[in-house]
Amino acid sequence: QNSFAETMKSNLWAEFDILSGLPGMDRRFAAATVEYKRQLSGFQCTVDIKGLLEKQPYCHCGYSLKLGSEIESLPIALNDTIKEGLSSFRRAIVKNGDEVVGEIEKLAATANDQEVTAASRELAEAIRSGKDLPKFSDLQLKILVEVLGGSSTQAVPAGASPKGHSKVARPEKAEGSAAEELVSDQILLNV
């Protein structure tokens, strides 16, 4: 259970959770993590086991000694799924690099904030390189959410083009533009 709690508090999970709703993320990874989390949550037991076992030969939480080794492997499987999902997403972004970079560059060109512009250009260059993408910064995650339309809940197959799904902010020259809002709050929580 400690491993499960640590995974749920990790930056790896936070990044996966943010990116899992974007086009290019294979929905099977998100579905698998939901199932692993459901199973693991079912085994979180807070009952006084000694007192309960005096009254009945089983616990309410669903834990079974027969499932002990299987349950122990669930946090590892969850962590592996998160890593595989992020890797798959990065490959999809690189595969659709021209379109994604184009949208990122549009955002950079209209941003009134140097941090957004710099992070956008750095992200675009990393994608354009065609190499494995490094871990995204908080600001780069926000940029990806912005250009890929993170509020979209429709299923898009892995490797699908983000074309037609992009919601690039067209910041006005007035204060409070979407590009300026990108730097106003952090996505990842360092817990």
Protein backbone atom coordinates (compact mmCIF):
# COMPACT_ATOMS: atom_id res chain seq x y z
CA GLN A 1 0.00 0.00 0.00
CA ASN A 2 2.90 2.37 0.64
CA SER A 3 4.10 1.88 -2.92
CA PHE A 4 0.63 2.71 -4.24
CA ALA A 5 0.41 5.87 -2.11
CA GLU A 6 3.89 6.94 -3.23
CA THR A 7 2.96 6.44 -6.89
CA MET A 8 -0.20 8.53 -6.49
CA LYS A 9 1.85 11.36 -4.97
CA SER A 10 4.60 11.23 -7.58
CA ASN A 11 5.35 13.76 -10.31
CA LEU A 12 5.28 10.83 -12.74
CA TRP A 13 1.63 10.18 -11.88
CA ALA A 14 0.80 13.91 -12.00
CA GLU A 15 2.29 14.19 -15.50
CA PHE A 16 0.46 11.07 -16.66
CA ASP A 17 -2.83 12.27 -15.18
CA ILE A 18 -2.52 15.63 -16.96
CA LEU A 19 -1.54 14.15 -20.31
CA SER A 20 -3.95 11.20 -20.25
CA GLY A 21 -6.82 13.28 -21.60
CA LEU A 22 -4.90 14.68 -24.57
CA PRO A 23 -5.00 13.48 -28.16
CA GLY A 24 -2.08 11.16 -28.75
CA MET A 25 -2.40 9.38 -25.41
CA ASP A 26 -3.56 5.82 -25.95
CA ARG A 27 -6.73 5.52 -23.87
CA ARG A 28 -5.86 1.93 -22.96
CA PHE A 29 -3.18 3.22 -20.58
CA ALA A 30 -5.65 5.50 -18.80
CA ALA A 31 -8.19 2.67 -18.58
CA ALA A 32 -5.56 0.32 -17.16
CA THR A 33 -4.50 2.84 -14.50
CA VAL A 34 -8.14 3.34 -13.47
CA GLU A 35 -8.51 -0.42 -13.06
CA TYR A 36 -5.27 -0.76 -11.08
CA LYS A 37 -6.28 2.13 -8.84
CA ARG A 38 -9.73 0.57 -8.31
CA GLN A 39 -8.20 -2.77 -7.36
CA LEU A 40 -5.62 -1.23 -5.07
CA SER A 41 -8.17 1.03 -3.39
CA GLY A 42 -10.27 -2.02 -2.62
CA PHE A 43 -7.44 -3.46 -0.58
CA GLN A 44 -6.92 -0.47 1.68
CA CYS A 45 -8.03 -1.86 4.98
CA THR A 46 -8.63 0.28 8.04
CA VAL A 47 -10.60 -2.30 10.03
CA ASP A 48 -9.40 -3.73 13.35
CA ILE A 49 -8.55 -7.07 11.77
CA LYS A 50 -7.93 -8.95 15.02
CA GLY A 51 -11.32 -7.99 16.42
CA LEU A 52 -13.07 -8.68 13.12
CA LEU A 53 -11.47 -12.11 12.68
CA GLU A 54 -12.70 -13.11 16.14
CA LYS A 55 -16.26 -12.65 14.82
CA GLN A 56 -15.86 -13.87 11.21
CA PRO A 57 -13.18 -15.61 9.14
CA TYR A 58 -12.74 -12.85 6.54
CA CYS A 59 -12.20 -9.12 6.21
CA HIS A 60 -14.49 -6.56 4.54
CA CYS A 61 -11.75 -5.11 2.33
CA GLY A 62 -11.50 -7.99 -0.13
CA TYR A 63 -7.96 -8.94 0.80
CA SER A 64 -7.31 -12.62 0.63
CA LEU A 65 -4.16 -14.50 1.52
CA LYS A 66 -4.55 -16.33 -1.81
CA LEU A 67 -4.20 -12.98 -3.60
CA GLY A 68 -1.20 -11.77 -1.57
CA SER A 69 1.45 -12.03 -4.28
CA GLU A 70 -0.94 -10.74 -6.95
CA ILE A 71 -1.80 -7.71 -4.83
CA GLU A 72 1.89 -7.00 -4.21
CA SER A 73 2.49 -6.82 -7.97
CA LEU A 74 -0.34 -4.31 -8.63
CA PRO A 75 1.61 -1.16 -7.62
CA ILE A 76 4.48 -2.28 -9.86
CA ALA A 77 2.08 -2.90 -12.75
CA LEU A 78 0.48 0.52 -12.17
CA ASN A 79 3.86 2.25 -12.21
CA ASP A 80 4.92 0.36 -15.36
CA THR A 81 1.65 1.33 -17.08
CA ILE A 82 2.18 4.99 -16.22
CA LYS A 83 5.71 4.89 -17.66
CA GLU A 84 4.58 3.05 -20.81
CA GLY A 85 1.71 5.52 -21.29
CA LEU A 86 4.03 8.52 -21.04
CA SER A 87 6.49 6.91 -23.43
CA SER A 88 3.68 6.18 -25.90
CA PHE A 89 2.46 9.77 -25.65
CA ARG A 90 5.94 11.15 -26.32
CA ARG A 91 6.31 8.92 -29.39
CA ALA A 92 2.91 10.10 -30.70
CA ILE A 93 3.93 13.75 -30.21
CA VAL A 94 7.19 13.21 -32.12
CA LYS A 95 5.34 11.26 -34.84
CA ASN A 96 2.96 14.20 -35.33
CA GLY A 97 5.75 16.70 -34.74
CA ASP A 98 5.14 19.05 -37.65
CA GLU A 99 1.54 19.72 -36.66
CA VAL A 100 2.23 19.91 -32.93
CA VAL A 101 5.26 22.19 -33.41
CA GLY A 102 3.19 24.44 -35.68
CA GLU A 103 0.57 24.90 -32.96
CA ILE A 104 3.22 25.48 -30.29
CA GLU A 105 4.95 28.07 -32.46
CA LYS A 106 1.62 29.88 -33.00
CA LEU A 107 1.21 30.08 -29.24
CA ALA A 108 4.81 31.31 -28.81
CA ALA A 109 4.31 33.98 -31.47
CA THR A 110 1.24 35.38 -29.73
CA ALA A 111 2.42 35.05 -26.14
CA ASN A 112 2.99 38.24 -24.19
CA ASP A 113 5.13 36.42 -21.67
CA GLN A 114 8.82 35.62 -22.15
CA GLU A 115 8.58 32.44 -20.03
CA VAL A 116 5.78 31.06 -22.23
CA THR A 117 7.67 32.00 -25.38
CA ALA A 118 10.91 30.41 -24.14
CA ALA A 119 9.20 27.23 -22.90
CA SER A 120 7.26 26.96 -26.16
CA ARG A 121 10.39 27.28 -28.27
CA GLU A 122 12.28 24.78 -26.11
CA LEU A 123 9.40 22.30 -26.39
CA ALA A 124 9.09 22.82 -30.15
CA GLU A 125 12.82 22.26 -30.61
CA ALA A 126 12.74 19.07 -28.53
CA ILE A 127 9.87 17.72 -30.64
CA ARG A 128 11.49 18.83 -33.87
CA SER A 129 14.70 16.95 -32.96
CA GLY A 130 12.85 13.66 -33.35
CA LYS A 131 14.64 12.22 -30.31
CA ASP A 132 13.11 10.93 -27.10
CA LEU A 133 11.38 13.79 -25.35
CA PRO A 134 12.58 14.60 -21.84
CA LYS A 135 10.29 15.07 -18.86
CA PHE A 136 8.09 18.12 -19.45
CA SER A 137 8.28 21.15 -17.18
CA ASP A 138 5.08 22.45 -15.58
CA LEU A 139 4.90 25.23 -18.14
CA GLN A 140 5.49 22.82 -21.04
CA LEU A 141 2.66 20.63 -19.73
CA LYS A 142 0.39 23.67 -19.73
CA ILE A 143 1.46 24.49 -23.28
CA LEU A 144 0.70 20.94 -24.43
CA VAL A 145 -2.70 21.05 -22.76
CA GLU A 146 -3.40 24.39 -24.41
CA VAL A 147 -2.36 23.43 -27.94
CA LEU A 148 -3.73 19.89 -27.91
CA GLY A 149 -7.04 20.79 -26.31
CA GLY A 150 -6.78 19.15 -22.93
CA SER A 151 -10.41 19.73 -22.13
CA SER A 152 -11.33 17.29 -24.88
CA THR A 153 -12.79 14.09 -23.48
CA GLN A 154 -13.32 12.32 -26.78
CA ALA A 155 -11.26 9.24 -27.47
CA VAL A 156 -8.49 9.75 -29.98
CA PRO A 157 -6.45 6.71 -30.96
CA ALA A 158 -2.75 6.57 -30.19
CA GLY A 159 -0.70 8.27 -32.83
CA ALA A 160 -3.74 10.14 -34.08
CA SER A 161 -3.12 13.54 -35.46
CA PRO A 162 -3.97 16.37 -33.13
CA LYS A 163 -5.20 18.28 -36.19
CA GLY A 164 -8.79 19.26 -35.68
CA HIS A 165 -8.50 18.75 -31.94
CA SER A 166 -6.27 21.72 -31.18
CA LYS A 167 -7.54 24.57 -29.12
CA VAL A 168 -4.75 27.07 -29.46
CA ALA A 169 -5.32 30.21 -27.50
CA ARG A 170 -5.37 33.33 -29.56
CA PRO A 171 -4.32 35.79 -26.90
CA GLU A 172 -5.69 39.25 -27.23
CA LYS A 173 -3.41 42.17 -26.64
CA ALA A 174 -5.37 42.91 -23.49
CA GLU A 175 -4.30 41.64 -20.11
CA GLY A 176 -5.49 38.22 -18.99
CA SER A 177 -4.73 36.40 -22.23
CA ALA A 178 -4.55 32.63 -22.27
CA ALA A 179 -0.79 32.74 -22.82
CA GLU A 180 -0.34 34.96 -19.78
CA GLU A 181 -2.56 32.66 -17.73
CA LEU A 182 -0.26 29.72 -18.54
CA VAL A 183 2.33 30.99 -16.10
CA SER A 184 -0.09 31.96 -13.34
CA ASP A 185 -0.44 28.59 -11.62
CA GLN A 186 1.48 25.33 -11.37
CA ILE A 187 0.05 22.08 -12.64
CA LEU A 188 2.27 19.64 -10.81
CA LEU A 189 2.18 19.50 -7.06
CA ASN A 190 5.45 18.70 -5.42
CA VAL A 191 4.27 16.46 -2.65
